[in-house]
């Protein structure tokens, strides 16, 4: 079960990244060229947040079943000494929770803004910060914290 959820979590990462990058592009273009915030833009905002929330659910399922995380919490003093266990036991989940909170806040605020320019600006700022946090928190194959393959 853990392996299946981990594969789903690994796959969903790409959907999160693509939707977030596309949302940021849409927001940048809309803000820069003072475009109207259309139904399509609103759907992109909504689906980006939804995909991030689905990924969060996958992540929580992986987290509670992970042998690395279980080891980390059972052997906390040793776990914080090893970057791999510290990363998956604490750093990864905290940063990803923060990123999803930023996406959620950005989405909710953008939805409630009155002007189209403010909607795009809000999405651009909050989603960009979330993307930076996500890039740091993903265990890329080249990451100095913990590395995993691009796909499981």
C-alpha atoms as a PDB file:
ATOM      1  CA  UNK A   1       0.000   0.000   0.000  1.00  0.00           C
ATOM      2  CA  UNK A   2       2.775   2.429   0.961  1.00  0.00           C
ATOM      3  CA  UNK A   3       4.552   1.913  -2.359  1.00  0.00           C
ATOM      4  CA  UNK A   4       1.380   2.572  -4.384  1.00  0.00           C
ATOM      5  CA  UNK A   5       0.641   5.785  -2.520  1.00  0.00           C
ATOM      6  CA  UNK A   6       4.282   6.855  -2.891  1.00  0.00           C
ATOM      7  CA  UNK A   7       4.073   6.331  -6.660  1.00  0.00           C
ATOM      8  CA  UNK A   8       0.876   8.397  -6.760  1.00  0.00           C
ATOM      9  CA  UNK A   9       2.530  11.110  -4.674  1.00  0.00           C
ATOM     10  CA  UNK A  10       5.551  11.134  -6.990  1.00  0.00           C
ATOM     11  CA  UNK A  11       3.324  11.411 -10.075  1.00  0.00           C
ATOM     12  CA  UNK A  12       1.146  14.138  -8.555  1.00  0.00           C
ATOM     13  CA  UNK A  13       4.217  16.274  -7.922  1.00  0.00           C
ATOM     14  CA  UNK A  14       4.398  16.903 -11.662  1.00  0.00           C
ATOM     15  CA  UNK A  15       0.748  17.923 -11.840  1.00  0.00           C
ATOM     16  CA  UNK A  16       1.275  20.342  -8.969  1.00  0.00           C
ATOM     17  CA  UNK A  17       4.341  21.847 -10.615  1.00  0.00           C
ATOM     18  CA  UNK A  18       2.750  22.157 -14.054  1.00  0.00           C
ATOM     19  CA  UNK A  19      -0.466  23.687 -12.705  1.00  0.00           C
ATOM     20  CA  UNK A  20       1.427  26.072 -10.434  1.00  0.00           C
ATOM     21  CA  UNK A  21       3.816  27.203 -13.165  1.00  0.00           C
ATOM     22  CA  UNK A  22       0.898  27.653 -15.571  1.00  0.00           C
ATOM     23  CA  UNK A  23      -1.039  29.646 -12.946  1.00  0.00           C
ATOM     24  CA  UNK A  24       1.965  31.877 -12.349  1.00  0.00           C
ATOM     25  CA  UNK A  25       2.344  32.402 -16.098  1.00  0.00           C
ATOM     26  CA  UNK A  26      -1.351  33.281 -16.446  1.00  0.00           C
ATOM     27  CA  UNK A  27      -1.137  35.637 -13.460  1.00  0.00           C
ATOM     28  CA  UNK A  28       2.036  37.321 -14.755  1.00  0.00           C
ATOM     29  CA  UNK A  29       0.560  37.774 -18.222  1.00  0.00           C
ATOM     30  CA  UNK A  30      -2.749  39.051 -16.841  1.00  0.00           C
ATOM     31  CA  UNK A  31      -1.064  41.455 -14.433  1.00  0.00           C
ATOM     32  CA  UNK A  32       1.511  42.738 -16.935  1.00  0.00           C
ATOM     33  CA  UNK A  33      -0.887  43.274 -19.817  1.00  0.00           C
ATOM     34  CA  UNK A  34      -3.834  44.308 -17.630  1.00  0.00           C
ATOM     35  CA  UNK A  35      -6.058  41.556 -19.001  1.00  0.00           C
ATOM     36  CA  UNK A  36      -9.516  40.652 -17.759  1.00  0.00           C
ATOM     37  CA  UNK A  37      -9.728  37.888 -15.185  1.00  0.00           C
ATOM     38  CA  UNK A  38     -11.813  35.377 -17.124  1.00  0.00           C
ATOM     39  CA  UNK A  39     -13.688  32.224 -16.123  1.00  0.00           C
ATOM     40  CA  UNK A  40     -10.743  30.253 -17.499  1.00  0.00           C
ATOM     41  CA  UNK A  41      -8.326  32.154 -15.236  1.00  0.00           C
ATOM     42  CA  UNK A  42     -10.588  31.470 -12.288  1.00  0.00           C
ATOM     43  CA  UNK A  43     -10.699  27.751 -13.166  1.00  0.00           C
ATOM     44  CA  UNK A  44      -6.903  27.650 -13.388  1.00  0.00           C
ATOM     45  CA  UNK A  45      -6.693  29.278  -9.945  1.00  0.00           C
ATOM     46  CA  UNK A  46      -9.232  26.850  -8.521  1.00  0.00           C
ATOM     47  CA  UNK A  47      -7.716  23.698 -10.058  1.00  0.00           C
ATOM     48  CA  UNK A  48      -4.208  24.649  -9.010  1.00  0.00           C
ATOM     49  CA  UNK A  49      -5.353  24.837  -5.393  1.00  0.00           C
ATOM     50  CA  UNK A  50      -7.372  21.632  -5.742  1.00  0.00           C
ATOM     51  CA  UNK A  51      -4.433  19.697  -7.208  1.00  0.00           C
ATOM     52  CA  UNK A  52      -2.202  20.982  -4.394  1.00  0.00           C
ATOM     53  CA  UNK A  53      -4.739  19.783  -1.812  1.00  0.00           C
ATOM     54  CA  UNK A  54      -4.982  16.345  -3.407  1.00  0.00           C
ATOM     55  CA  UNK A  55      -1.191  16.130  -3.351  1.00  0.00           C
ATOM     56  CA  UNK A  56      -1.237  17.115   0.312  1.00  0.00           C
ATOM     57  CA  UNK A  57      -3.594  14.212   1.053  1.00  0.00           C
ATOM     58  CA  UNK A  58      -1.288  11.800  -0.782  1.00  0.00           C
ATOM     59  CA  UNK A  59       1.630  13.275   1.151  1.00  0.00           C
ATOM     60  CA  UNK A  60      -0.047  12.815   4.515  1.00  0.00           C
ATOM     61  CA  UNK A  61      -0.826   9.193   3.650  1.00  0.00           C
ATOM     62  CA  UNK A  62       2.801   8.611   2.647  1.00  0.00           C
ATOM     63  CA  UNK A  63       4.004  10.373   5.791  1.00  0.00           C
ATOM     64  CA  UNK A  64       2.006   8.281   8.258  1.00  0.00           C
ATOM     65  CA  UNK A  65       3.064   5.017   6.551  1.00  0.00           C
ATOM     66  CA  UNK A  66       6.691   5.838   5.778  1.00  0.00           C
ATOM     67  CA  UNK A  67       9.312   3.638   7.462  1.00  0.00           C
ATOM     68  CA  UNK A  68      11.768   6.562   7.315  1.00  0.00           C
ATOM     69  CA  UNK A  69       9.353   8.827   9.177  1.00  0.00           C
ATOM     70  CA  UNK A  70       8.552   6.127  11.715  1.00  0.00           C
ATOM     71  CA  UNK A  71      12.272   5.641  12.345  1.00  0.00           C
ATOM     72  CA  UNK A  72      12.743   9.406  12.649  1.00  0.00           C
ATOM     73  CA  UNK A  73      10.114   9.789  15.387  1.00  0.00           C
ATOM     74  CA  UNK A  74      11.146   6.613  17.262  1.00  0.00           C
ATOM     75  CA  UNK A  75      14.811   7.626  17.226  1.00  0.00           C
ATOM     76  CA  UNK A  76      14.542  11.394  17.232  1.00  0.00           C
ATOM     77  CA  UNK A  77      18.060  12.118  18.547  1.00  0.00           C
ATOM     78  CA  UNK A  78      19.621   9.914  15.891  1.00  0.00           C
ATOM     79  CA  UNK A  79      17.093  11.012  13.253  1.00  0.00           C
ATOM     80  CA  UNK A  80      18.029  14.678  13.442  1.00  0.00           C
ATOM     81  CA  UNK A  81      21.679  13.755  12.907  1.00  0.00           C
ATOM     82  CA  UNK A  82      20.942  12.140   9.527  1.00  0.00           C
ATOM     83  CA  UNK A  83      19.917  14.600   6.795  1.00  0.00           C
ATOM     84  CA  UNK A  84      17.832  12.010   4.909  1.00  0.00           C
ATOM     85  CA  UNK A  85      15.673  11.116   7.900  1.00  0.00           C
ATOM     86  CA  UNK A  86      15.508  14.738   9.107  1.00  0.00           C
ATOM     87  CA  UNK A  87      14.414  15.855   5.651  1.00  0.00           C
ATOM     88  CA  UNK A  88      11.566  13.342   5.325  1.00  0.00           C
ATOM     89  CA  UNK A  89      10.675  13.298   9.019  1.00  0.00           C
ATOM     90  CA  UNK A  90      10.369  17.047   9.441  1.00  0.00           C
ATOM     91  CA  UNK A  91      11.668  19.438   6.770  1.00  0.00           C
ATOM     92  CA  UNK A  92       9.741  18.095   3.766  1.00  0.00           C
ATOM     93  CA  UNK A  93       6.350  17.969   5.438  1.00  0.00           C
ATOM     94  CA  UNK A  94       6.678  21.345   7.163  1.00  0.00           C
ATOM     95  CA  UNK A  95       7.765  23.133   3.979  1.00  0.00           C
ATOM     96  CA  UNK A  96       5.085  21.451   1.883  1.00  0.00           C
ATOM     97  CA  UNK A  97       2.382  22.302   4.423  1.00  0.00           C
ATOM     98  CA  UNK A  98       3.532  25.919   4.324  1.00  0.00           C
ATOM     99  CA  UNK A  99       3.494  25.880   0.504  1.00  0.00           C
ATOM    100  CA  UNK A 100      -0.055  24.488   0.397  1.00  0.00           C
ATOM    101  CA  UNK A 101      -1.147  27.104   2.931  1.00  0.00           C
ATOM    102  CA  UNK A 102       0.337  29.818   0.681  1.00  0.00           C
ATOM    103  CA  UNK A 103      -1.485  28.369  -2.338  1.00  0.00           C
ATOM    104  CA  UNK A 104      -4.737  28.195  -0.367  1.00  0.00           C
ATOM    105  CA  UNK A 105      -4.435  31.747   0.958  1.00  0.00           C
ATOM    106  CA  UNK A 106      -3.418  33.078  -2.460  1.00  0.00           C
ATOM    107  CA  UNK A 107      -6.318  31.331  -4.138  1.00  0.00           C
ATOM    108  CA  UNK A 108      -8.846  32.530  -1.569  1.00  0.00           C
ATOM    109  CA  UNK A 109      -7.583  36.110  -1.617  1.00  0.00           C
ATOM    110  CA  UNK A 110      -7.462  36.252  -5.422  1.00  0.00           C
ATOM    111  CA  UNK A 111     -11.028  34.989  -5.606  1.00  0.00           C
ATOM    112  CA  UNK A 112     -12.199  37.828  -3.366  1.00  0.00           C
ATOM    113  CA  UNK A 113     -10.276  40.714  -4.941  1.00  0.00           C
ATOM    114  CA  UNK A 114     -12.445  43.221  -6.745  1.00  0.00           C
ATOM    115  CA  UNK A 115     -10.201  44.297  -9.615  1.00  0.00           C
ATOM    116  CA  UNK A 116      -8.804  41.934 -12.221  1.00  0.00           C
ATOM    117  CA  UNK A 117      -5.312  43.391 -11.779  1.00  0.00           C
ATOM    118  CA  UNK A 118      -5.425  42.689  -8.033  1.00  0.00           C
ATOM    119  CA  UNK A 119      -6.613  39.117  -8.662  1.00  0.00           C
ATOM    120  CA  UNK A 120      -3.669  38.451 -10.960  1.00  0.00           C
ATOM    121  CA  UNK A 121      -1.210  40.185  -8.631  1.00  0.00           C
ATOM    122  CA  UNK A 122      -2.407  38.192  -5.622  1.00  0.00           C
ATOM    123  CA  UNK A 123      -2.102  34.894  -7.500  1.00  0.00           C
ATOM    124  CA  UNK A 124       1.306  35.871  -8.832  1.00  0.00           C
ATOM    125  CA  UNK A 125       2.765  36.705  -5.419  1.00  0.00           C
ATOM    126  CA  UNK A 126       1.309  33.876  -3.323  1.00  0.00           C
ATOM    127  CA  UNK A 127       1.727  31.138  -5.933  1.00  0.00           C
ATOM    128  CA  UNK A 128       5.312  32.219  -6.712  1.00  0.00           C
ATOM    129  CA  UNK A 129       6.309  32.046  -3.055  1.00  0.00           C
ATOM    130  CA  UNK A 130       4.696  28.607  -2.811  1.00  0.00           C
ATOM    131  CA  UNK A 131       6.559  27.436  -5.923  1.00  0.00           C
ATOM    132  CA  UNK A 132       9.917  28.509  -4.472  1.00  0.00           C
ATOM    133  CA  UNK A 133       9.172  26.656  -1.238  1.00  0.00           C
ATOM    134  CA  UNK A 134       8.092  23.568  -3.184  1.00  0.00           C
ATOM    135  CA  UNK A 135      11.263  23.599  -5.297  1.00  0.00           C
ATOM    136  CA  UNK A 136      13.351  23.613  -2.103  1.00  0.00           C
ATOM    137  CA  UNK A 137      11.262  20.891  -0.464  1.00  0.00           C
ATOM    138  CA  UNK A 138      11.158  18.392  -3.340  1.00  0.00           C
ATOM    139  CA  UNK A 139      13.754  15.619  -2.997  1.00  0.00           C
ATOM    140  CA  UNK A 140      15.237  16.164  -6.466  1.00  0.00           C
ATOM    141  CA  UNK A 141      17.955  13.768  -7.665  1.00  0.00           C
ATOM    142  CA  UNK A 142      20.414  16.679  -7.300  1.00  0.00           C
ATOM    143  CA  UNK A 143      19.151  17.921  -3.910  1.00  0.00           C
ATOM    144  CA  UNK A 144      21.769  18.323  -1.173  1.00  0.00           C
ATOM    145  CA  UNK A 145      19.161  17.488   1.499  1.00  0.00           C
ATOM    146  CA  UNK A 146      17.719  14.184   0.303  1.00  0.00           C
ATOM    147  CA  UNK A 147      17.477  12.873  -3.211  1.00  0.00           C
ATOM    148  CA  UNK A 148      15.077  10.586  -4.980  1.00  0.00           C
ATOM    149  CA  UNK A 149      14.497   9.790  -8.672  1.00  0.00           C
ATOM    150  CA  UNK A 150      12.307  12.042 -10.827  1.00  0.00           C
ATOM    151  CA  UNK A 151       9.720   9.257 -11.012  1.00  0.00           C
ATOM    152  CA  UNK A 152       9.192   6.255  -8.779  1.00  0.00           C
END
